[in-house]
Amino acid sequence: MMKGQAFDTFKLMIAAVIAVAILGILLGILGGISPPGADPASIIREQLSKANQFPGSIFVSSTQANFNSGVKYVASSFTDVIGGTGTVSFACGKDESAVCTVTPNGDSPNGDTVLITGNFKAVISACYKSGAAKVGIGKDASISC
């Protein structure tokens, strides 16, 4: 064995450890980016959280949510975002009205229920004021605070 060969193995091990550390950092950064067509429930929660922090303002998602046929969104599953009390109402935009049906006080004493009857992508808007939150599905959903 020639002098210095053992050190080459050590350098290779150090390079591997550094590469794994850099990969971990990159995956952490990329994990926070939402892919196109993100989960509607998480986007609704995100927009309601913003609206709860700044009452009276309307917030619109920057990414589109991927809505799937047969899924139901119940208001009571989102009331914790606005403090656990109050109501959540939904509105569907004109383009989504054929595949998005709102039932006032459907399955929830705390607001509306939305049934999705077709696959589509849409932005989500939300506003909150005085214990009442409104969520709009689609760019032209009619909500106001």
N, C-alpha and C. Protein backbone atom coordinates (compact mmCIF):
# COMPACT_ATOMS: atom_id res chain seq x y z
N MET A 1 0.85 -1.16 0.00
CA MET A 1 0.00 0.00 0.00
C MET A 1 0.90 1.23 0.00
N MET A 2 0.59 2.13 -0.88
CA MET A 2 1.40 3.33 -0.99
C MET A 2 0.90 4.39 -0.01
N LYS A 3 1.79 5.22 0.34
CA LYS A 3 1.48 6.27 1.30
C LYS A 3 0.42 7.22 0.71
N GLY A 4 -0.66 7.51 1.47
CA GLY A 4 -1.70 8.44 1.03
C GLY A 4 -2.93 7.78 0.47
N GLN A 5 -2.91 6.48 0.18
CA GLN A 5 -4.08 5.81 -0.38
C GLN A 5 -5.22 5.74 0.63
N ALA A 6 -4.97 5.59 1.88
CA ALA A 6 -6.01 5.51 2.90
C ALA A 6 -6.74 6.85 3.01
N PHE A 7 -6.03 7.93 2.77
CA PHE A 7 -6.65 9.24 2.84
C PHE A 7 -7.65 9.46 1.70
N ASP A 8 -7.43 8.85 0.54
CA ASP A 8 -8.37 8.95 -0.58
C ASP A 8 -9.73 8.35 -0.22
N THR A 9 -9.74 7.26 0.48
CA THR A 9 -10.99 6.64 0.93
C THR A 9 -11.72 7.56 1.90
N PHE A 10 -10.97 8.19 2.78
CA PHE A 10 -11.56 9.11 3.74
C PHE A 10 -12.17 10.31 3.02
N LYS A 11 -11.48 10.84 1.99
CA LYS A 11 -12.02 11.96 1.22
C LYS A 11 -13.32 11.56 0.51
N LEU A 12 -13.37 10.34 -0.01
CA LEU A 12 -14.57 9.85 -0.67
C LEU A 12 -15.74 9.77 0.31
N MET A 13 -15.47 9.32 1.53
CA MET A 13 -16.51 9.23 2.55
C MET A 13 -17.02 10.64 2.92
N ILE A 14 -16.14 11.60 3.06
CA ILE A 14 -16.53 12.97 3.38
C ILE A 14 -17.39 13.55 2.26
N ALA A 15 -17.01 13.30 1.01
CA ALA A 15 -17.78 13.79 -0.13
C ALA A 15 -19.19 13.19 -0.13
N ALA A 16 -19.31 11.92 0.22
CA ALA A 16 -20.62 11.26 0.26
C ALA A 16 -21.49 11.87 1.36
N VAL A 17 -20.93 12.14 2.52
CA VAL A 17 -21.68 12.75 3.62
C VAL A 17 -22.16 14.14 3.23
N ILE A 18 -21.30 14.92 2.60
CA ILE A 18 -21.68 16.27 2.15
C ILE A 18 -22.78 16.19 1.10
N ALA A 19 -22.68 15.25 0.16
CA ALA A 19 -23.71 15.10 -0.88
C ALA A 19 -25.06 14.74 -0.28
N VAL A 20 -25.08 13.88 0.71
CA VAL A 20 -26.34 13.51 1.38
C VAL A 20 -26.92 14.71 2.12
N ALA A 21 -26.07 15.50 2.75
CA ALA A 21 -26.54 16.70 3.45
C ALA A 21 -27.15 17.70 2.48
N ILE A 22 -26.50 17.93 1.35
CA ILE A 22 -27.03 18.86 0.34
C ILE A 22 -28.34 18.32 -0.22
N LEU A 23 -28.43 17.04 -0.47
CA LEU A 23 -29.67 16.44 -0.97
C LEU A 23 -30.81 16.63 0.04
N GLY A 24 -30.50 16.46 1.32
CA GLY A 24 -31.52 16.67 2.35
C GLY A 24 -32.04 18.10 2.37
N ILE A 25 -31.14 19.06 2.21
CA ILE A 25 -31.54 20.47 2.17
C ILE A 25 -32.40 20.74 0.95
N LEU A 26 -31.99 20.26 -0.21
CA LEU A 26 -32.77 20.47 -1.44
C LEU A 26 -34.15 19.83 -1.36
N LEU A 27 -34.25 18.64 -0.82
CA LEU A 27 -35.56 17.99 -0.69
C LEU A 27 -36.45 18.75 0.28
N GLY A 28 -35.87 19.33 1.31
CA GLY A 28 -36.64 20.14 2.25
C GLY A 28 -37.21 21.38 1.58
N ILE A 29 -36.43 22.00 0.73
CA ILE A 29 -36.89 23.19 0.01
C ILE A 29 -37.96 22.80 -1.01
N LEU A 30 -37.71 21.76 -1.78
CA LEU A 30 -38.67 21.35 -2.81
C LEU A 30 -39.94 20.78 -2.21
N GLY A 31 -39.89 20.25 -1.00
CA GLY A 31 -41.09 19.70 -0.36
C GLY A 31 -42.11 20.76 -0.03
N GLY A 32 -41.69 22.02 0.12
CA GLY A 32 -42.62 23.10 0.45
C GLY A 32 -43.32 23.69 -0.76
N ILE A 33 -42.96 23.25 -1.95
CA ILE A 33 -43.57 23.77 -3.17
C ILE A 33 -44.76 22.90 -3.54
N SER A 34 -45.90 23.53 -3.76
CA SER A 34 -47.11 22.80 -4.13
C SER A 34 -47.10 22.51 -5.63
N PRO A 35 -47.39 21.28 -6.01
CA PRO A 35 -47.44 20.96 -7.43
C PRO A 35 -48.71 21.55 -8.04
N PRO A 36 -48.76 21.70 -9.37
CA PRO A 36 -49.99 22.17 -10.00
C PRO A 36 -51.14 21.23 -9.67
N GLY A 37 -52.29 21.77 -9.37
CA GLY A 37 -53.43 20.93 -9.03
C GLY A 37 -53.31 20.38 -7.63
N ALA A 38 -53.06 21.22 -6.67
CA ALA A 38 -52.87 20.79 -5.29
C ALA A 38 -54.20 20.36 -4.65
N ASP A 39 -54.10 19.83 -3.43
CA ASP A 39 -55.25 19.33 -2.69
C ASP A 39 -56.19 20.49 -2.31
N PRO A 40 -57.48 20.42 -2.69
CA PRO A 40 -58.42 21.51 -2.40
C PRO A 40 -58.58 21.79 -0.91
N ALA A 41 -58.65 20.75 -0.08
CA ALA A 41 -58.86 20.97 1.36
C ALA A 41 -57.72 21.75 1.97
N SER A 42 -56.48 21.45 1.57
CA SER A 42 -55.34 22.18 2.13
C SER A 42 -55.31 23.62 1.64
N ILE A 43 -55.72 23.86 0.41
CA ILE A 43 -55.76 25.23 -0.11
C ILE A 43 -56.89 26.01 0.56
N ILE A 44 -58.03 25.37 0.79
CA ILE A 44 -59.13 26.03 1.51
C ILE A 44 -58.65 26.44 2.90
N ARG A 45 -57.99 25.53 3.59
CA ARG A 45 -57.48 25.82 4.93
C ARG A 45 -56.48 26.99 4.89
N GLU A 46 -55.60 26.97 3.91
CA GLU A 46 -54.59 28.02 3.78
C GLU A 46 -55.24 29.38 3.56
N GLN A 47 -56.22 29.44 2.66
CA GLN A 47 -56.88 30.72 2.37
C GLN A 47 -57.72 31.19 3.55
N LEU A 48 -58.40 30.25 4.23
CA LEU A 48 -59.17 30.63 5.42
C LEU A 48 -58.27 31.14 6.53
N SER A 49 -57.11 30.54 6.68
CA SER A 49 -56.16 30.99 7.69
C SER A 49 -55.72 32.43 7.42
N LYS A 50 -55.41 32.73 6.16
CA LYS A 50 -55.03 34.10 5.79
C LYS A 50 -56.19 35.07 6.05
N ALA A 51 -57.39 34.66 5.66
CA ALA A 51 -58.56 35.52 5.84
C ALA A 51 -58.84 35.76 7.32
N ASN A 52 -58.61 34.74 8.15
CA ASN A 52 -58.83 34.87 9.59
C ASN A 52 -57.84 35.86 10.21
N GLN A 53 -56.62 35.90 9.68
CA GLN A 53 -55.61 36.81 10.18
C GLN A 53 -55.89 38.26 9.79
N PHE A 54 -56.54 38.45 8.64
CA PHE A 54 -56.84 39.78 8.14
C PHE A 54 -58.32 39.89 7.78
N PRO A 55 -59.20 40.00 8.79
CA PRO A 55 -60.64 40.04 8.54
C PRO A 55 -61.03 41.16 7.57
N GLY A 56 -61.99 40.83 6.71
CA GLY A 56 -62.49 41.80 5.74
C GLY A 56 -61.77 41.79 4.42
N SER A 57 -60.67 41.04 4.31
CA SER A 57 -59.90 40.97 3.06
C SER A 57 -60.20 39.65 2.35
N ILE A 58 -60.16 39.68 1.03
CA ILE A 58 -60.37 38.48 0.23
C ILE A 58 -59.01 37.98 -0.24
N PHE A 59 -58.77 36.68 -0.04
CA PHE A 59 -57.51 36.06 -0.46
C PHE A 59 -57.81 35.02 -1.54
N VAL A 60 -57.02 35.04 -2.60
CA VAL A 60 -57.19 34.10 -3.72
C VAL A 60 -55.92 33.28 -3.85
N SER A 61 -56.09 31.96 -4.00
CA SER A 61 -54.92 31.07 -4.10
C SER A 61 -54.14 31.35 -5.38
N SER A 62 -52.84 31.19 -5.30
CA SER A 62 -51.99 31.39 -6.47
C SER A 62 -51.93 30.14 -7.34
N THR A 63 -52.24 28.99 -6.75
CA THR A 63 -52.27 27.74 -7.51
C THR A 63 -53.70 27.23 -7.61
N GLN A 64 -53.96 26.44 -8.61
CA GLN A 64 -55.28 25.85 -8.78
C GLN A 64 -55.38 24.56 -7.98
N ALA A 65 -56.55 24.34 -7.43
CA ALA A 65 -56.82 23.09 -6.72
C ALA A 65 -57.38 22.08 -7.71
N ASN A 66 -57.07 20.83 -7.51
CA ASN A 66 -57.53 19.76 -8.39
C ASN A 66 -58.75 19.07 -7.75
N PHE A 67 -59.94 19.44 -8.17
CA PHE A 67 -61.17 18.88 -7.61
C PHE A 67 -61.52 17.58 -8.34
N ASN A 68 -61.90 16.56 -7.57
CA ASN A 68 -62.24 15.26 -8.13
C ASN A 68 -63.71 14.94 -7.91
N SER A 69 -64.31 14.31 -8.87
CA SER A 69 -65.72 13.95 -8.82
C SER A 69 -66.02 13.04 -7.62
N GLY A 70 -67.15 13.31 -6.97
CA GLY A 70 -67.61 12.48 -5.86
C GLY A 70 -67.12 12.91 -4.50
N VAL A 71 -66.31 13.96 -4.43
CA VAL A 71 -65.77 14.42 -3.15
C VAL A 71 -66.70 15.48 -2.57
N LYS A 72 -66.88 15.41 -1.24
CA LYS A 72 -67.74 16.35 -0.54
C LYS A 72 -66.90 17.13 0.47
N TYR A 73 -67.12 18.44 0.52
CA TYR A 73 -66.43 19.30 1.47
C TYR A 73 -67.47 19.87 2.43
N VAL A 74 -67.29 19.57 3.72
CA VAL A 74 -68.25 19.95 4.75
C VAL A 74 -67.67 21.10 5.57
N ALA A 75 -68.49 22.12 5.82
CA ALA A 75 -68.05 23.33 6.51
C ALA A 75 -67.44 23.03 7.87
N SER A 76 -68.01 22.10 8.61
CA SER A 76 -67.52 21.84 9.97
C SER A 76 -66.07 21.34 9.98
N SER A 77 -65.58 20.82 8.87
CA SER A 77 -64.18 20.38 8.84
C SER A 77 -63.21 21.54 8.68
N PHE A 78 -63.73 22.76 8.48
CA PHE A 78 -62.86 23.93 8.32
C PHE A 78 -63.06 24.98 9.42
N THR A 79 -64.02 24.78 10.32
CA THR A 79 -64.28 25.81 11.34
C THR A 79 -63.14 25.97 12.34
N ASP A 80 -62.31 24.93 12.52
CA ASP A 80 -61.18 25.07 13.44
C ASP A 80 -60.19 26.13 12.96
N VAL A 81 -60.14 26.37 11.66
CA VAL A 81 -59.23 27.36 11.10
C VAL A 81 -59.66 28.78 11.50
N ILE A 82 -60.96 28.97 11.69
CA ILE A 82 -61.46 30.31 12.05
C ILE A 82 -61.79 30.41 13.54
N GLY A 83 -61.18 29.55 14.33
CA GLY A 83 -61.33 29.65 15.78
C GLY A 83 -62.30 28.66 16.39
N GLY A 84 -62.83 27.74 15.62
CA GLY A 84 -63.71 26.71 16.17
C GLY A 84 -65.17 27.09 16.25
N THR A 85 -65.48 28.36 16.12
CA THR A 85 -66.88 28.79 16.11
C THR A 85 -67.13 29.57 14.83
N GLY A 86 -68.36 29.83 14.56
CA GLY A 86 -68.70 30.57 13.35
C GLY A 86 -69.14 29.63 12.25
N THR A 87 -69.40 30.20 11.10
CA THR A 87 -69.91 29.42 9.97
C THR A 87 -68.99 29.58 8.76
N VAL A 88 -69.05 28.58 7.90
CA VAL A 88 -68.32 28.62 6.64
C VAL A 88 -69.33 28.39 5.53
N SER A 89 -69.40 29.32 4.60
CA SER A 89 -70.29 29.15 3.46
C SER A 89 -69.45 29.06 2.18
N PHE A 90 -69.98 28.38 1.19
CA PHE A 90 -69.27 28.16 -0.07
C PHE A 90 -70.04 28.78 -1.22
N ALA A 91 -69.33 29.12 -2.28
CA ALA A 91 -69.94 29.59 -3.52
C ALA A 91 -69.12 29.02 -4.67
N CYS A 92 -69.83 28.56 -5.70
CA CYS A 92 -69.17 28.03 -6.89
C CYS A 92 -69.24 29.09 -7.99
N GLY A 93 -68.17 29.20 -8.75
CA GLY A 93 -68.14 30.13 -9.87
C GLY A 93 -69.01 29.67 -11.02
N LYS A 94 -69.24 30.57 -11.98
CA LYS A 94 -70.09 30.25 -13.13
C LYS A 94 -69.54 29.08 -13.93
N ASP A 95 -68.24 29.05 -14.14
CA ASP A 95 -67.64 27.98 -14.93
C ASP A 95 -67.73 26.63 -14.23
N GLU A 96 -67.80 26.63 -12.91
CA GLU A 96 -67.82 25.39 -12.13
C GLU A 96 -69.23 24.98 -11.70
N SER A 97 -70.23 25.78 -12.00
CA SER A 97 -71.58 25.53 -11.48
C SER A 97 -72.18 24.20 -11.92
N ALA A 98 -71.75 23.66 -13.05
CA ALA A 98 -72.30 22.39 -13.51
C ALA A 98 -71.73 21.20 -12.74
N VAL A 99 -70.58 21.37 -12.11
CA VAL A 99 -69.93 20.26 -11.42
C VAL A 99 -69.67 20.55 -9.94
N CYS A 100 -70.23 21.63 -9.44
CA CYS A 100 -70.02 22.05 -8.06
C CYS A 100 -71.37 22.48 -7.48
N THR A 101 -71.88 21.72 -6.50
CA THR A 101 -73.20 21.99 -5.94
C THR A 101 -73.09 22.32 -4.46
N VAL A 102 -73.63 23.46 -4.07
CA VAL A 102 -73.61 23.90 -2.67
C VAL A 102 -74.96 23.61 -2.04
N THR A 103 -74.94 22.93 -0.88
CA THR A 103 -76.15 22.68 -0.10
C THR A 103 -76.03 23.48 1.19
N PRO A 104 -76.86 24.53 1.36
CA PRO A 104 -76.80 25.31 2.60
C PRO A 104 -77.12 24.44 3.81
N ASN A 105 -76.27 24.49 4.82
CA ASN A 105 -76.43 23.71 6.05
C ASN A 105 -76.70 22.24 5.76
N GLY A 106 -76.03 21.71 4.75
CA GLY A 106 -76.24 20.32 4.33
C GLY A 106 -75.91 19.30 5.39
N ASP A 107 -74.64 18.98 5.58
CA ASP A 107 -74.22 17.98 6.55
C ASP A 107 -73.57 18.61 7.76
N SER A 108 -73.71 19.90 7.91
CA SER A 108 -72.99 20.60 8.97
C SER A 108 -73.86 21.68 9.59
N PRO A 109 -73.89 21.74 10.91
CA PRO A 109 -74.61 22.84 11.55
C PRO A 109 -73.84 24.16 11.45
N ASN A 110 -72.58 24.08 11.02
CA ASN A 110 -71.73 25.27 10.96
C ASN A 110 -71.59 25.83 9.55
N GLY A 111 -72.48 25.47 8.65
CA GLY A 111 -72.40 26.04 7.31
C GLY A 111 -72.74 25.06 6.21
N ASP A 112 -72.25 25.39 5.03
CA ASP A 112 -72.63 24.68 3.81
C ASP A 112 -71.85 23.37 3.61
N THR A 113 -72.34 22.61 2.65
CA THR A 113 -71.66 21.43 2.16
C THR A 113 -71.53 21.57 0.65
N VAL A 114 -70.37 21.22 0.10
CA VAL A 114 -70.15 21.30 -1.33
C VAL A 114 -69.92 19.89 -1.86
N LEU A 115 -70.65 19.52 -2.90
CA LEU A 115 -70.47 18.23 -3.57
C LEU A 115 -69.89 18.48 -4.95
N ILE A 116 -68.80 17.81 -5.25
CA ILE A 116 -68.14 17.93 -6.55
C ILE A 116 -68.60 16.75 -7.41
N THR A 117 -69.18 17.06 -8.57
CA THR A 117 -69.73 16.01 -9.43
C THR A 117 -68.95 15.83 -10.73
N GLY A 118 -67.84 16.49 -10.85
CA GLY A 118 -66.99 16.35 -12.03
C GLY A 118 -65.57 16.77 -11.70
N ASN A 119 -64.63 16.37 -12.53
CA ASN A 119 -63.23 16.72 -12.30
C ASN A 119 -62.93 18.08 -12.93
N PHE A 120 -62.27 18.95 -12.17
CA PHE A 120 -61.87 20.25 -12.69
C PHE A 120 -60.79 20.86 -11.80
N LYS A 121 -60.15 21.91 -12.32
CA LYS A 121 -59.16 22.67 -11.55
C LYS A 121 -59.67 24.09 -11.42
N ALA A 122 -59.48 24.67 -10.24
CA ALA A 122 -59.95 26.03 -10.01
C ALA A 122 -59.17 26.68 -8.86
N VAL A 123 -59.12 28.01 -8.88
CA VAL A 123 -58.55 28.74 -7.76
C VAL A 123 -59.58 28.79 -6.64
N ILE A 124 -59.10 29.05 -5.43
CA ILE A 124 -59.97 29.13 -4.26
C ILE A 124 -59.77 30.48 -3.60
N SER A 125 -60.87 31.14 -3.30
CA SER A 125 -60.80 32.43 -2.61
C SER A 125 -61.50 32.30 -1.26
N ALA A 126 -61.12 33.17 -0.32
CA ALA A 126 -61.74 33.12 1.01
C ALA A 126 -61.71 34.49 1.65
N CYS A 127 -62.72 34.74 2.47
CA CYS A 127 -62.74 35.95 3.29
C CYS A 127 -63.41 35.60 4.62
N TYR A 128 -63.15 36.42 5.62
CA TYR A 128 -63.68 36.18 6.97
C TYR A 128 -64.02 37.51 7.61
N LYS A 129 -65.18 37.54 8.27
CA LYS A 129 -65.58 38.74 9.00
C LYS A 129 -66.66 38.38 10.01
N SER A 130 -66.47 38.79 11.23
CA SER A 130 -67.47 38.65 12.29
C SER A 130 -68.01 37.23 12.45
N GLY A 131 -67.13 36.25 12.52
CA GLY A 131 -67.55 34.88 12.76
C GLY A 131 -68.08 34.14 11.55
N ALA A 132 -68.07 34.76 10.37
CA ALA A 132 -68.55 34.10 9.16
C ALA A 132 -67.45 34.10 8.11
N ALA A 133 -67.15 32.92 7.60
CA ALA A 133 -66.15 32.79 6.54
C ALA A 133 -66.85 32.39 5.25
N LYS A 134 -66.34 32.88 4.14
CA LYS A 134 -66.88 32.54 2.83
C LYS A 134 -65.75 32.01 1.97
N VAL A 135 -66.03 30.91 1.26
CA VAL A 135 -65.04 30.28 0.39
C VAL A 135 -65.61 30.23 -1.01
N GLY A 136 -64.86 30.73 -1.96
CA GLY A 136 -65.27 30.70 -3.36
C GLY A 136 -64.45 29.70 -4.14
N ILE A 137 -65.14 28.91 -4.96
CA ILE A 137 -64.47 27.92 -5.79
C ILE A 137 -64.58 28.39 -7.23
N GLY A 138 -63.45 28.77 -7.82
CA GLY A 138 -63.44 29.30 -9.18
C GLY A 138 -63.12 30.78 -9.17
N LYS A 139 -62.58 31.26 -10.29
CA LYS A 139 -62.14 32.66 -10.36
C LYS A 139 -63.29 33.65 -10.30
N ASP A 140 -64.49 33.24 -10.69
CA ASP A 140 -65.61 34.17 -10.67
C ASP A 140 -66.65 33.83 -9.60
N ALA A 141 -66.22 33.11 -8.57
CA ALA A 141 -67.13 32.80 -7.46
C ALA A 141 -67.47 34.10 -6.74
N SER A 142 -68.72 34.28 -6.46
CA SER A 142 -69.18 35.54 -5.87
C SER A 142 -69.11 35.46 -4.34
N ILE A 143 -68.04 36.03 -3.77
CA ILE A 143 -67.95 36.13 -2.30
C ILE A 143 -67.62 37.56 -1.94
N SER A 144 -68.09 37.99 -0.80
CA SER A 144 -67.75 39.31 -0.29
C SER A 144 -67.79 39.25 1.23
N CYS A 145 -67.07 40.15 1.85
CA CYS A 145 -67.03 40.19 3.32
C CYS A 145 -67.83 41.36 3.85
